[in-house]
Each structure stands twice: as structure tokens, then as C-alpha cells.
Protein backbone atom coordinates (compact mmCIF):
# COMPACT_ATOMS: atom_id res chain seq x y z
CA MET A 1 0.02 0.05 0.16
CA SER A 2 1.46 3.28 -1.01
CA ALA A 3 1.84 5.93 1.60
CA ARG A 4 -0.81 8.55 1.94
CA ARG A 5 0.06 12.00 0.35
CA PRO A 6 -0.30 15.04 2.07
CA THR A 7 -3.33 16.83 1.51
CA LEU A 8 -3.23 20.89 0.20
CA ALA A 9 -6.07 23.10 0.47
CA VAL A 10 -5.87 26.81 -1.45
CA TRP A 11 -8.44 29.33 -0.12
CA LYS A 12 -9.32 32.81 -1.31
CA PHE A 13 -10.45 35.87 0.49
CA ALA A 14 -10.59 39.46 -0.53
CA SER A 15 -7.85 39.49 -3.71
CA CYS A 16 -7.50 39.53 -7.33
CA ASP A 17 -6.55 35.54 -7.68
CA GLY A 18 -2.99 36.40 -8.72
CA CYS A 19 -0.96 34.53 -6.43
CA GLN A 20 -3.50 31.59 -6.67
CA LEU A 21 -2.60 32.04 -10.48
CA THR A 22 0.71 31.93 -9.74
CA LEU A 23 0.43 28.21 -8.31
CA LEU A 24 -1.14 27.25 -11.88
CA GLY A 25 1.62 29.45 -13.79
CA CYS A 26 4.23 26.66 -12.34
CA GLU A 27 3.07 24.36 -15.03
CA ASP A 28 5.81 21.62 -15.53
CA GLU A 29 6.76 22.39 -11.83
CA LEU A 30 2.97 21.67 -11.02
CA LEU A 31 2.86 18.08 -12.17
CA ALA A 32 5.48 17.18 -9.59
CA VAL A 33 3.64 18.81 -6.65
CA ALA A 34 0.48 16.84 -7.55
CA ASP A 35 2.71 13.86 -7.46
CA ALA A 36 3.93 14.52 -4.09
CA ILE A 37 0.77 15.99 -2.66
CA GLN A 38 -3.24 15.72 -3.20
CA ILE A 39 -4.65 18.85 -4.12
CA ALA A 40 -7.83 18.37 -1.87
CA TYR A 41 -9.60 21.86 -2.24
CA PHE A 42 -8.67 24.20 -4.77
CA PRO A 43 -11.55 25.99 -6.43
CA GLU A 44 -9.68 28.21 -9.13
CA ALA A 45 -8.23 24.96 -10.47
CA SER A 46 -10.54 22.02 -9.77
CA SER A 47 -14.40 21.23 -9.04
CA ALA A 48 -13.13 18.38 -7.03
CA MET A 49 -13.21 19.44 -3.49
CA ALA A 50 -12.59 16.94 -0.73
CA GLU A 51 -13.59 17.62 2.85
CA GLY A 52 -10.79 18.75 5.74
CA PRO A 53 -9.06 18.18 7.64
CA TRP A 54 -5.82 19.27 5.25
CA ASP A 55 -2.03 19.22 6.01
CA LEU A 56 -1.32 22.33 4.35
CA SER A 57 -3.65 25.58 3.70
CA LEU A 58 -2.18 28.39 1.49
CA VAL A 59 -4.58 31.32 1.79
CA GLU A 60 -4.74 34.21 -0.29
CA GLY A 61 -6.44 37.74 0.33
CA SER A 62 -7.36 39.95 3.10
CA ILE A 63 -10.19 39.37 5.82
CA THR A 64 -12.79 42.52 5.16
CA THR A 65 -16.07 40.98 6.55
CA PRO A 66 -17.50 39.44 9.74
CA HIS A 67 -18.43 36.40 7.75
CA ASP A 68 -14.82 35.86 6.33
CA ALA A 69 -13.52 36.39 9.89
CA GLU A 70 -15.33 33.45 11.13
CA ARG A 71 -14.39 31.44 7.74
CA ILE A 72 -10.78 31.71 8.39
CA ARG A 73 -11.16 30.44 11.92
CA GLU A 74 -12.56 27.27 10.81
CA ILE A 75 -10.06 27.01 8.16
CA ARG A 76 -7.44 27.09 10.77
CA ARG A 77 -8.85 24.77 12.80
CA ALA A 78 -9.00 22.39 10.31
CA SER A 79 -5.42 22.77 8.87
CA ARG A 80 -2.52 20.99 10.40
CA HIS A 81 -0.29 24.23 8.64
CA LEU A 82 -1.60 27.55 7.71
CA VAL A 83 0.57 29.52 5.09
CA THR A 84 -0.31 32.93 3.82
CA ILE A 85 0.65 34.09 0.26
CA GLY A 86 0.81 37.36 -0.96
CA ALA A 87 0.33 40.77 -0.16
CA CYS A 88 -3.23 40.82 0.66
CA ALA A 89 -3.06 37.94 3.16
CA THR A 90 0.09 39.02 4.94
CA ALA A 91 -0.58 42.95 5.02
CA GLY A 92 -3.88 43.50 4.22
CA GLY A 93 -3.13 44.44 0.20
CA ILE A 94 -3.97 47.42 -1.55
CA GLN A 95 -7.61 47.14 -0.13
CA ALA A 96 -6.41 48.24 3.24
CA LEU A 97 -5.99 51.66 2.12
CA ARG A 98 -9.49 51.66 3.47
CA ASN A 99 -7.82 51.56 7.08
CA PHE A 100 -6.68 55.12 6.56
CA ALA A 101 -10.35 56.33 5.63
CA ASP A 102 -13.95 56.31 6.95
CA VAL A 103 -15.25 52.93 5.19
CA GLU A 104 -19.04 53.86 6.49
CA ALA A 105 -18.67 57.21 4.27
CA PHE A 106 -17.59 55.23 1.53
CA THR A 107 -20.49 52.71 1.69
CA ARG A 108 -22.81 55.37 1.94
CA GLN A 109 -21.21 56.99 -1.57
CA VAL A 110 -21.08 53.63 -3.35
CA TYR A 111 -24.41 51.64 -2.34
CA ALA A 112 -28.08 52.40 -2.59
CA ARG A 113 -28.86 50.57 0.85
CA PRO A 114 -25.58 50.96 2.71
CA ASP A 115 -27.62 49.19 5.58
CA TRP A 116 -27.40 46.02 3.75
CA ILE A 117 -23.25 45.99 3.22
CA LYS A 118 -21.91 43.78 6.32
CA THR A 119 -18.20 44.65 6.20
CA LEU A 120 -15.43 45.32 8.43
CA ALA A 121 -13.66 48.87 9.18
CA THR A 122 -10.28 47.49 8.07
CA SER A 123 -8.97 45.20 5.86
CA ASP A 124 -6.93 43.00 8.01
CA PRO A 125 -4.07 40.40 7.35
CA ILE A 126 -4.68 36.72 8.08
CA ALA A 127 -2.31 36.79 11.04
CA ALA A 128 -4.65 39.22 12.93
CA HIS A 129 -7.25 36.79 13.07
CA VAL A 130 -5.31 33.23 13.47
CA PRO A 131 -2.15 32.00 13.81
CA VAL A 132 0.03 31.65 10.98
CA ASP A 133 2.87 29.25 10.37
CA PHE A 134 4.47 31.24 7.61
CA GLU A 135 4.25 34.29 5.38
CA LEU A 136 5.17 34.52 1.84
CA ARG A 137 5.50 38.07 0.64
CA GLY A 138 4.57 39.51 -2.72
CA CYS A 139 2.14 40.98 -5.21
CA PRO A 140 2.24 38.51 -6.88
CA ILE A 141 4.04 36.09 -4.87
CA ASP A 142 7.59 34.45 -6.93
CA LYS A 143 6.83 31.22 -8.30
CA ALA A 144 10.04 29.63 -7.13
CA GLN A 145 9.71 30.77 -3.67
CA LEU A 146 5.99 29.09 -3.62
CA LEU A 147 7.49 25.81 -4.77
CA GLU A 148 10.15 26.13 -1.96
CA VAL A 149 7.48 26.71 0.55
CA ILE A 150 5.08 23.71 -0.50
CA ASN A 151 8.14 21.46 -0.71
CA ALA A 152 9.26 22.37 2.85
CA PHE A 153 6.00 21.90 4.40
CA VAL A 154 5.58 18.60 2.70
CA TYR A 155 9.06 17.39 4.10
CA GLY A 156 8.79 18.92 7.53
CA ARG A 157 11.21 21.78 7.52
CA ARG A 158 11.84 25.48 7.55
CA PRO A 159 11.35 27.09 4.04
CA GLN A 160 14.49 28.63 2.80
CA VAL A 161 13.16 32.17 1.50
CA PRO A 162 15.69 35.11 1.62
CA GLN A 163 14.99 37.75 4.43
CA SER A 164 17.53 40.38 2.41
CA SER A 165 16.27 43.60 0.72
CA VAL A 166 15.93 44.31 -3.10
CA CYS A 167 19.17 46.23 -2.96
CA GLU A 168 20.93 42.79 -2.60
CA GLU A 169 19.12 41.42 -5.72
CA CYS A 170 20.17 44.35 -7.57
CA LYS A 171 23.86 43.94 -6.56
CA ARG A 172 24.02 40.44 -7.74
CA ALA A 173 22.11 41.11 -10.84
CA GLY A 174 24.56 43.83 -11.46
CA HIS A 175 22.27 46.62 -11.57
CA VAL A 176 23.24 50.35 -11.61
CA CYS A 177 21.55 51.88 -8.33
CA VAL A 178 18.93 53.88 -9.70
CA MET A 179 18.49 55.97 -6.59
CA VAL A 180 22.36 56.74 -6.46
CA ALA A 181 23.04 57.26 -10.18
CA HIS A 182 19.75 58.42 -11.29
CA GLY A 183 17.98 60.41 -8.20
CA THR A 184 15.17 58.07 -8.81
CA PRO A 185 13.25 57.27 -5.52
CA CYS A 186 13.12 53.63 -4.79
CA LEU A 187 11.84 51.64 -1.98
CA GLY A 188 14.60 48.76 -2.32
CA PRO A 189 16.51 49.30 0.66
CA VAL A 190 13.59 48.69 2.92
CA THR A 191 11.85 46.25 0.73
CA HIS A 192 11.95 42.25 0.99
CA ALA A 193 13.66 40.29 -1.99
CA GLY A 194 11.80 37.97 -3.98
CA CYS A 195 11.12 39.93 -7.37
CA GLY A 196 14.39 39.63 -8.71
CA ALA A 197 14.81 43.47 -8.90
CA LEU A 198 12.39 43.62 -11.57
CA CYS A 199 11.84 47.27 -11.70
CA PRO A 200 15.35 48.60 -11.03
CA GLY A 201 16.53 46.29 -13.85
CA CYS A 202 14.28 48.22 -15.87
CA HIS A 203 15.40 51.42 -14.79
CA ARG A 204 12.75 52.41 -12.51
CA GLY A 205 12.21 52.44 -8.63
CA CYS A 206 11.21 49.78 -6.61
CA TYR A 207 7.55 49.70 -5.17
CA GLY A 208 7.58 47.55 -2.37
CA CYS A 209 5.51 45.14 -3.79
CA PHE A 210 7.01 42.57 -1.38
CA GLY A 211 6.82 44.40 1.65
CA PRO A 212 9.05 45.59 4.37
CA LYS A 213 12.12 43.22 4.73
CA GLU A 214 13.34 42.29 8.32
CA THR A 215 14.78 45.05 10.39
CA PRO A 216 13.96 47.97 7.71
CA ASN A 217 15.29 51.20 8.61
CA ALA A 218 12.63 53.38 6.93
CA PRO A 219 12.86 56.51 8.60
CA ALA A 220 16.49 56.47 7.12
CA LEU A 221 15.09 56.09 3.51
CA SER A 222 12.44 58.92 3.94
CA ALA A 223 15.01 61.41 4.77
CA TRP A 224 16.88 60.56 1.64
CA LEU A 225 13.74 60.56 -0.54
CA GLU A 226 13.11 64.07 1.03
CA HIS A 227 16.92 64.74 -0.02
CA LEU A 228 15.77 63.95 -3.60
CA GLY A 229 13.09 66.38 -3.60
CA MET A 230 10.15 64.51 -2.55
CA LYS A 231 7.43 66.42 -0.71
CA ARG A 232 5.95 64.72 2.68
CA GLU A 233 2.43 64.00 0.94
CA GLU A 234 4.41 62.00 -2.06
CA ILE A 235 6.15 60.24 0.50
CA VAL A 236 3.01 58.95 2.18
CA ARG A 237 1.77 58.00 -0.89
CA VAL A 238 5.11 55.83 -1.45
CA TYR A 239 4.29 53.92 1.39
CA ARG A 240 0.52 53.28 0.86
CA THR A 241 0.42 50.97 -2.09
CA PHE A 242 0.38 47.20 -2.00
CA ASN A 243 1.56 46.69 1.62
CA ALA A 244 0.08 49.93 3.09
CA ASN A 245 -0.84 48.27 6.36
CA SER A 246 2.20 46.43 7.01
CA ASP A 247 3.69 47.76 10.46
CA THR A 248 6.83 49.51 8.99
CA PHE A 249 5.13 51.38 6.06
CA ARG A 250 2.03 52.02 7.64
CA GLU A 251 3.76 53.81 10.76
CA GLU A 252 6.50 55.61 8.06
CA SER A 253 3.56 56.77 6.04
CA LEU A 254 1.39 58.18 9.49
CA ARG A 255 4.51 59.70 10.70
CA HIS A 256 4.66 61.93 7.54
CA GLU A 257 1.07 62.48 7.35
CA ARG A 258 0.92 63.81 11.14
CA ASP A 259 3.89 66.14 9.95
CA THR A 260 2.12 67.25 6.87
CA ASP A 261 -1.06 68.06 9.13
CA HIS A 262 1.28 69.63 11.55
CA GLN A 263 2.67 71.94 8.87
CA GLY A 264 -0.50 72.74 7.41
């Protein structure tokens, strides 16, 4: 009798599906994944849905409604390991811009019957509601990193995902620093590696798609951005993109927002 294959479930909350599509985009590698594990629940890819419990759950998307807050607790109870994938699941995503505004005002403007809308005041990362075993960052995530995470949990080891900054990827690729050489604003010094320094490789500044790296020094970077001529309100917008609600980017944007309000 063959050994039982570990079961994999893939879940979607508030998101664009891009991180799930990264798994489907693995193509040839996906065949090897399917040989090593049983894809038990993945509505994006298959109508066959096996009931839990599951050995590994991959979760895409943020929590934005009371219903989803309850649903993620149910998924956590039925999952041996739970890994969040992408900026929405790890930091609240681009939709976390609502966290800096009045959501009730938005619903009154958009919906004819705002009293029918059941939503939270914030867009939360999964870890704000349940324990998470590993967070895989990116918008979208990197295919090679995703395969490494799946492999690691299947074989019971810690994923080997770099904790360095985009700047290190730039140096390894031999890119000229766009900020030093051309004065182009760039979040590379504070951003988690994983994209292969895609934007700097195209002579553009990093947008922070992979969120803050470990121990980032955002105030020092902000001072340099000001030196390059960026106004405080522009620096606020720089940090409020894909990972606006990550601790480092949120705190730095709020700091500059308070300074702007004080000056005004």
C-alpha cells in the first residue's frame, strides 16, 4: 500500500486571484507538486473538493467582512499548517487603504442601501485573526518561492526564503542603483527580496511589492527621499501601495502624514 500523500487546500479571501494563479502558472513544476501531494481543495483549478482536515492550507486575500473572519477561523481549525501567500494575506493588500479612511462614508456613497453591507472597518492580514505558520510575501508571490514553501512543509522543514532586501538582488544582478546614479526614488533598501529586482532592472524605482524586509530602516530611507526632492505627502503615497498596512510602511506613512498636517 502506498503512503498517504499530504493534502493541500487553497483558499481565497479579498484579493485579485493573482497569487493562486502563480501556483497554476508553475506548469511543469505543478505536475511534480501533484505527484507529491493531493490537491484536495482548490476551486480556482478544480471542481473536485475533498473535505478536511488538510495538512497544508495556502490562503490568499485579506479579511474584510465578519463572515470571512469566521471562515478563516474554521479553516485554521481544520488545517495542520496554514501559510499566507501574497500582500493581501500578509499585510491587508491594496484594499487596506480603507484603513486610513472612513469606510462608512464610502459605503454611503457607493451603495443605494448601505445598511445591507456587512463589512469590517479595516482590511486585515490573516495573522490578525488566526495563528499563521509562515508568510510568503509579494504582489504577486514568486513562483520559485511558492514551490520552496510547499516542498518545505511537505517534508517537515523550514522554508528557505531570503530575508534580505531588493538592494541585494540588484547587486547580484549587476544593476546600477537607480537612486544613487539617477536620483530615482526607490523602496529597494527597505523592501523584502523576491522579485529579482524587476523594476530597478528596468531603470525604475522599487514599489515595495514584497513589503518590508526584516529590520528595515524606513526613516533613513525617507530622509533620503526628501533629499531627492519628494514632498511629505508624496512620501505618504509611496508607502501606501500594495503593503500599506504592513507595520513598517503604515508607521512611516502615518509619521509623514502627521508632519504634513502639523505643517498645514
